[in-house]
């Protein structure tokens, strides 16, 4: 007599279970700017900085990307207008041309933080 086995496929979907508590952390703009600045230091490891301050490296990469996007150029050549971005660090506001390159942005953030 042959043995017949039936296998059932179960689809597993990773994600939050309904009703599970959801923890949402809010980091200050100053904290984010400090982490981004530190992670941009020559020889710095984004993953090492993230682990040291207790966040996931992907979060720090997101903060870096957001800082860079705020500093990228969005120039409307037809009108000759350049967009600006305001970067808030504590009580200070830095208004920069969106086309400012990353090294200059890092220097500005450092200057404001040390003032």
C-alpha atoms as a PDB file:
ATOM      1  CA  UNK A   1       0.000   0.000   0.000  1.00  0.00           C
ATOM      2  CA  UNK A   2       1.484   3.357  -0.978  1.00  0.00           C
ATOM      3  CA  UNK A   3       1.612   6.155   1.472  1.00  0.00           C
ATOM      4  CA  UNK A   4       0.162   9.461   0.279  1.00  0.00           C
ATOM      5  CA  UNK A   5       1.281  12.645   1.982  1.00  0.00           C
ATOM      6  CA  UNK A   6      -0.449  15.964   1.640  1.00  0.00           C
ATOM      7  CA  UNK A   7       1.563  19.137   2.057  1.00  0.00           C
ATOM      8  CA  UNK A   8      -0.110  22.431   2.709  1.00  0.00           C
ATOM      9  CA  UNK A   9       1.514  25.666   1.654  1.00  0.00           C
ATOM     10  CA  UNK A  10       1.441  28.415   4.236  1.00  0.00           C
ATOM     11  CA  UNK A  11       2.220  31.927   3.130  1.00  0.00           C
ATOM     12  CA  UNK A  12       4.248  33.822   5.677  1.00  0.00           C
ATOM     13  CA  UNK A  13       4.249  37.589   5.506  1.00  0.00           C
ATOM     14  CA  UNK A  14       6.674  39.474   7.680  1.00  0.00           C
ATOM     15  CA  UNK A  15       5.216  42.487   9.345  1.00  0.00           C
ATOM     16  CA  UNK A  16       3.635  43.872  12.433  1.00  0.00           C
ATOM     17  CA  UNK A  17       0.875  41.813  13.967  1.00  0.00           C
ATOM     18  CA  UNK A  18      -2.431  43.575  14.260  1.00  0.00           C
ATOM     19  CA  UNK A  19      -2.806  44.986  17.730  1.00  0.00           C
ATOM     20  CA  UNK A  20       0.927  44.823  18.448  1.00  0.00           C
ATOM     21  CA  UNK A  21       2.283  47.964  20.097  1.00  0.00           C
ATOM     22  CA  UNK A  22       3.987  50.346  17.728  1.00  0.00           C
ATOM     23  CA  UNK A  23       6.954  52.258  19.027  1.00  0.00           C
ATOM     24  CA  UNK A  24       7.631  55.520  17.245  1.00  0.00           C
ATOM     25  CA  UNK A  25      10.693  57.469  18.251  1.00  0.00           C
ATOM     26  CA  UNK A  26      11.199  61.123  17.477  1.00  0.00           C
ATOM     27  CA  UNK A  27      14.741  62.373  17.161  1.00  0.00           C
ATOM     28  CA  UNK A  28      15.508  66.074  17.425  1.00  0.00           C
ATOM     29  CA  UNK A  29      16.802  67.895  14.372  1.00  0.00           C
ATOM     30  CA  UNK A  30      19.951  68.669  16.344  1.00  0.00           C
ATOM     31  CA  UNK A  31      20.531  64.982  17.103  1.00  0.00           C
ATOM     32  CA  UNK A  32      20.038  64.073  13.443  1.00  0.00           C
ATOM     33  CA  UNK A  33      22.394  66.835  12.276  1.00  0.00           C
ATOM     34  CA  UNK A  34      25.039  65.731  14.774  1.00  0.00           C
ATOM     35  CA  UNK A  35      24.753  62.101  13.650  1.00  0.00           C
ATOM     36  CA  UNK A  36      24.899  63.056   9.967  1.00  0.00           C
ATOM     37  CA  UNK A  37      27.894  65.320  10.527  1.00  0.00           C
ATOM     38  CA  UNK A  38      29.742  62.659  12.507  1.00  0.00           C
ATOM     39  CA  UNK A  39      29.003  60.012   9.882  1.00  0.00           C
ATOM     40  CA  UNK A  40      30.482  62.270   7.190  1.00  0.00           C
ATOM     41  CA  UNK A  41      33.816  62.671   8.957  1.00  0.00           C
ATOM     42  CA  UNK A  42      36.741  61.281   6.919  1.00  0.00           C
ATOM     43  CA  UNK A  43      37.125  57.590   7.686  1.00  0.00           C
ATOM     44  CA  UNK A  44      33.854  57.386   9.635  1.00  0.00           C
ATOM     45  CA  UNK A  45      31.701  54.276   9.296  1.00  0.00           C
ATOM     46  CA  UNK A  46      27.981  54.975   9.059  1.00  0.00           C
ATOM     47  CA  UNK A  47      27.214  51.589  10.609  1.00  0.00           C
ATOM     48  CA  UNK A  48      29.616  52.171  13.510  1.00  0.00           C
ATOM     49  CA  UNK A  49      28.186  55.632  14.214  1.00  0.00           C
ATOM     50  CA  UNK A  50      24.639  54.265  14.066  1.00  0.00           C
ATOM     51  CA  UNK A  51      25.419  51.412  16.464  1.00  0.00           C
ATOM     52  CA  UNK A  52      27.147  53.784  18.883  1.00  0.00           C
ATOM     53  CA  UNK A  53      24.155  56.137  19.074  1.00  0.00           C
ATOM     54  CA  UNK A  54      21.642  53.282  19.206  1.00  0.00           C
ATOM     55  CA  UNK A  55      19.891  53.473  15.845  1.00  0.00           C
ATOM     56  CA  UNK A  56      19.687  51.204  12.834  1.00  0.00           C
ATOM     57  CA  UNK A  57      22.226  52.068  10.114  1.00  0.00           C
ATOM     58  CA  UNK A  58      19.397  52.354   7.577  1.00  0.00           C
ATOM     59  CA  UNK A  59      17.951  55.217   9.652  1.00  0.00           C
ATOM     60  CA  UNK A  60      21.237  57.110   9.534  1.00  0.00           C
ATOM     61  CA  UNK A  61      21.531  56.515   5.799  1.00  0.00           C
ATOM     62  CA  UNK A  62      18.026  57.979   5.450  1.00  0.00           C
ATOM     63  CA  UNK A  63      19.003  61.061   7.474  1.00  0.00           C
ATOM     64  CA  UNK A  64      22.117  61.503   5.321  1.00  0.00           C
ATOM     65  CA  UNK A  65      20.076  61.168   2.127  1.00  0.00           C
ATOM     66  CA  UNK A  66      17.531  63.700   3.377  1.00  0.00           C
ATOM     67  CA  UNK A  67      20.308  66.171   4.258  1.00  0.00           C
ATOM     68  CA  UNK A  68      21.849  65.702   0.820  1.00  0.00           C
ATOM     69  CA  UNK A  69      18.489  66.134  -0.939  1.00  0.00           C
ATOM     70  CA  UNK A  70      17.938  69.403   0.897  1.00  0.00           C
ATOM     71  CA  UNK A  71      21.268  70.579  -0.446  1.00  0.00           C
ATOM     72  CA  UNK A  72      20.858  69.495  -4.090  1.00  0.00           C
ATOM     73  CA  UNK A  73      20.211  72.041  -6.786  1.00  0.00           C
ATOM     74  CA  UNK A  74      16.765  72.559  -8.162  1.00  0.00           C
ATOM     75  CA  UNK A  75      17.364  75.365 -10.585  1.00  0.00           C
ATOM     76  CA  UNK A  76      14.673  76.697 -12.836  1.00  0.00           C
ATOM     77  CA  UNK A  77      16.842  77.939 -15.692  1.00  0.00           C
ATOM     78  CA  UNK A  78      13.881  79.411 -17.535  1.00  0.00           C
ATOM     79  CA  UNK A  79      13.206  81.817 -14.662  1.00  0.00           C
ATOM     80  CA  UNK A  80      16.750  81.981 -13.354  1.00  0.00           C
ATOM     81  CA  UNK A  81      15.539  81.120  -9.853  1.00  0.00           C
ATOM     82  CA  UNK A  82      17.365  78.907  -7.392  1.00  0.00           C
ATOM     83  CA  UNK A  83      15.469  77.045  -4.715  1.00  0.00           C
ATOM     84  CA  UNK A  84      16.591  77.288  -1.127  1.00  0.00           C
ATOM     85  CA  UNK A  85      16.220  75.014   1.859  1.00  0.00           C
ATOM     86  CA  UNK A  86      16.069  75.871   5.535  1.00  0.00           C
ATOM     87  CA  UNK A  87      17.948  73.539   7.851  1.00  0.00           C
ATOM     88  CA  UNK A  88      17.047  73.863  11.512  1.00  0.00           C
ATOM     89  CA  UNK A  89      19.615  72.931  14.146  1.00  0.00           C
ATOM     90  CA  UNK A  90      18.334  73.744  17.592  1.00  0.00           C
ATOM     91  CA  UNK A  91      17.442  77.451  17.526  1.00  0.00           C
ATOM     92  CA  UNK A  92      19.590  78.153  14.461  1.00  0.00           C
ATOM     93  CA  UNK A  93      18.277  78.163  10.901  1.00  0.00           C
ATOM     94  CA  UNK A  94      20.633  77.774   7.963  1.00  0.00           C
ATOM     95  CA  UNK A  95      19.182  78.893   4.636  1.00  0.00           C
ATOM     96  CA  UNK A  96      21.170  77.376   1.786  1.00  0.00           C
ATOM     97  CA  UNK A  97      20.863  77.109  -1.948  1.00  0.00           C
ATOM     98  CA  UNK A  98      19.566  73.654  -2.649  1.00  0.00           C
ATOM     99  CA  UNK A  99      22.557  73.117  -4.957  1.00  0.00           C
ATOM    100  CA  UNK A 100      25.090  73.377  -2.155  1.00  0.00           C
ATOM    101  CA  UNK A 101      27.444  70.401  -2.289  1.00  0.00           C
ATOM    102  CA  UNK A 102      27.783  67.989   0.609  1.00  0.00           C
ATOM    103  CA  UNK A 103      31.251  69.067   1.882  1.00  0.00           C
ATOM    104  CA  UNK A 104      30.116  72.690   2.157  1.00  0.00           C
ATOM    105  CA  UNK A 105      26.897  71.666   3.872  1.00  0.00           C
ATOM    106  CA  UNK A 106      28.866  69.626   6.412  1.00  0.00           C
ATOM    107  CA  UNK A 107      31.136  72.619   7.132  1.00  0.00           C
ATOM    108  CA  UNK A 108      28.126  74.875   7.650  1.00  0.00           C
ATOM    109  CA  UNK A 109      26.494  72.417  10.036  1.00  0.00           C
ATOM    110  CA  UNK A 110      29.743  72.072  11.998  1.00  0.00           C
ATOM    111  CA  UNK A 111      30.102  75.855  12.209  1.00  0.00           C
ATOM    112  CA  UNK A 112      26.572  76.311  13.525  1.00  0.00           C
ATOM    113  CA  UNK A 113      26.961  73.495  16.032  1.00  0.00           C
ATOM    114  CA  UNK A 114      30.229  74.893  17.408  1.00  0.00           C
ATOM    115  CA  UNK A 115      28.886  78.455  17.692  1.00  0.00           C
END
